[in-house]
Amino acid sequence: MTEQEMKDWIDNASYQDLLGKWRFAPVGDPFFRDEVGQYYKTRMHERRAEVGNASHVAASKALG
């Protein structure tokens, strides 16, 4: 997957999908390295603010 494809996935993923990948990705996953990793972190924190605390907790509980 190219960097642009990874960024597109990040932009289109639900908050729960982002949180799940953040929580369960294997060490060294390319989504969390270099420029894409910084982009993921920034977008995840932005989405967290957008969905609010209740949705964050629900997504976290759904993931286990």
Protein backbone atom coordinates (compact mmCIF):
# COMPACT_ATOMS: atom_id res chain seq x y z
CA MET A 1 0.00 0.00 0.00
CA THR A 2 1.39 3.42 -0.91
CA GLU A 3 1.61 6.29 1.57
CA GLN A 4 -1.29 8.02 -0.18
CA GLU A 5 -3.43 4.88 -0.02
CA MET A 6 -2.68 4.57 3.70
CA LYS A 7 -3.63 8.22 4.26
CA ASP A 8 -6.84 7.70 2.29
CA TRP A 9 -7.67 4.68 4.48
CA ILE A 10 -7.02 6.76 7.60
CA ASP A 11 -9.26 9.57 6.33
CA ASN A 12 -12.11 7.17 5.52
CA ALA A 13 -11.89 4.84 8.52
CA SER A 14 -14.35 5.03 11.38
CA TYR A 15 -13.07 6.06 14.78
CA GLN A 16 -13.51 2.47 15.96
CA ASP A 17 -11.42 1.18 13.03
CA LEU A 18 -8.69 3.72 13.81
CA LEU A 19 -8.70 2.80 17.47
CA GLY A 20 -8.63 -0.91 16.70
CA LYS A 21 -5.66 -0.58 14.39
CA TRP A 22 -3.91 1.65 16.94
CA ARG A 23 -4.51 -0.91 19.68
CA PHE A 24 -3.90 -4.21 17.88
CA ALA A 25 -1.46 -3.57 15.02
CA PRO A 26 1.75 -5.57 15.14
CA VAL A 27 5.01 -3.89 16.05
CA GLY A 28 6.51 -2.18 13.01
CA ASP A 29 3.20 -1.72 11.18
CA PRO A 30 3.87 0.83 8.39
CA PHE A 31 0.79 2.82 9.43
CA PHE A 32 2.71 3.91 12.52
CA ARG A 33 6.08 4.79 11.04
CA ASP A 34 7.50 7.97 9.61
CA GLU A 35 5.20 10.53 7.95
CA VAL A 36 2.19 8.20 7.78
CA GLY A 37 2.57 7.42 11.49
CA GLN A 38 2.49 11.10 12.38
CA TYR A 39 -0.51 11.59 10.10
CA TYR A 40 -2.31 8.66 11.77
CA LYS A 41 -1.63 10.08 15.23
CA THR A 42 -2.85 13.55 14.27
CA ARG A 43 -6.02 12.31 12.53
CA MET A 44 -6.82 9.89 15.35
CA HIS A 45 -6.65 12.65 17.94
CA GLU A 46 -8.79 14.91 15.73
CA ARG A 47 -11.39 12.16 15.28
CA ARG A 48 -11.34 11.47 19.03
CA ALA A 49 -12.27 15.10 19.63
CA GLU A 50 -15.00 14.92 16.97
CA VAL A 51 -16.72 11.79 18.33
CA GLY A 52 -16.62 12.83 21.97
CA ASN A 53 -16.03 10.87 25.13
CA ALA A 54 -19.15 8.68 25.07
CA SER A 55 -18.43 7.41 21.55
CA HIS A 56 -14.78 6.87 22.43
CA VAL A 57 -15.74 4.72 25.41
CA ALA A 58 -18.27 2.77 23.34
CA ALA A 59 -15.71 2.08 20.62
CA SER A 60 -13.12 1.05 23.18
CA LYS A 61 -15.53 -1.34 24.89
CA ALA A 62 -16.61 -2.81 21.57
CA LEU A 63 -12.98 -3.59 20.73
CA GLY A 64 -12.31 -5.17 24.10
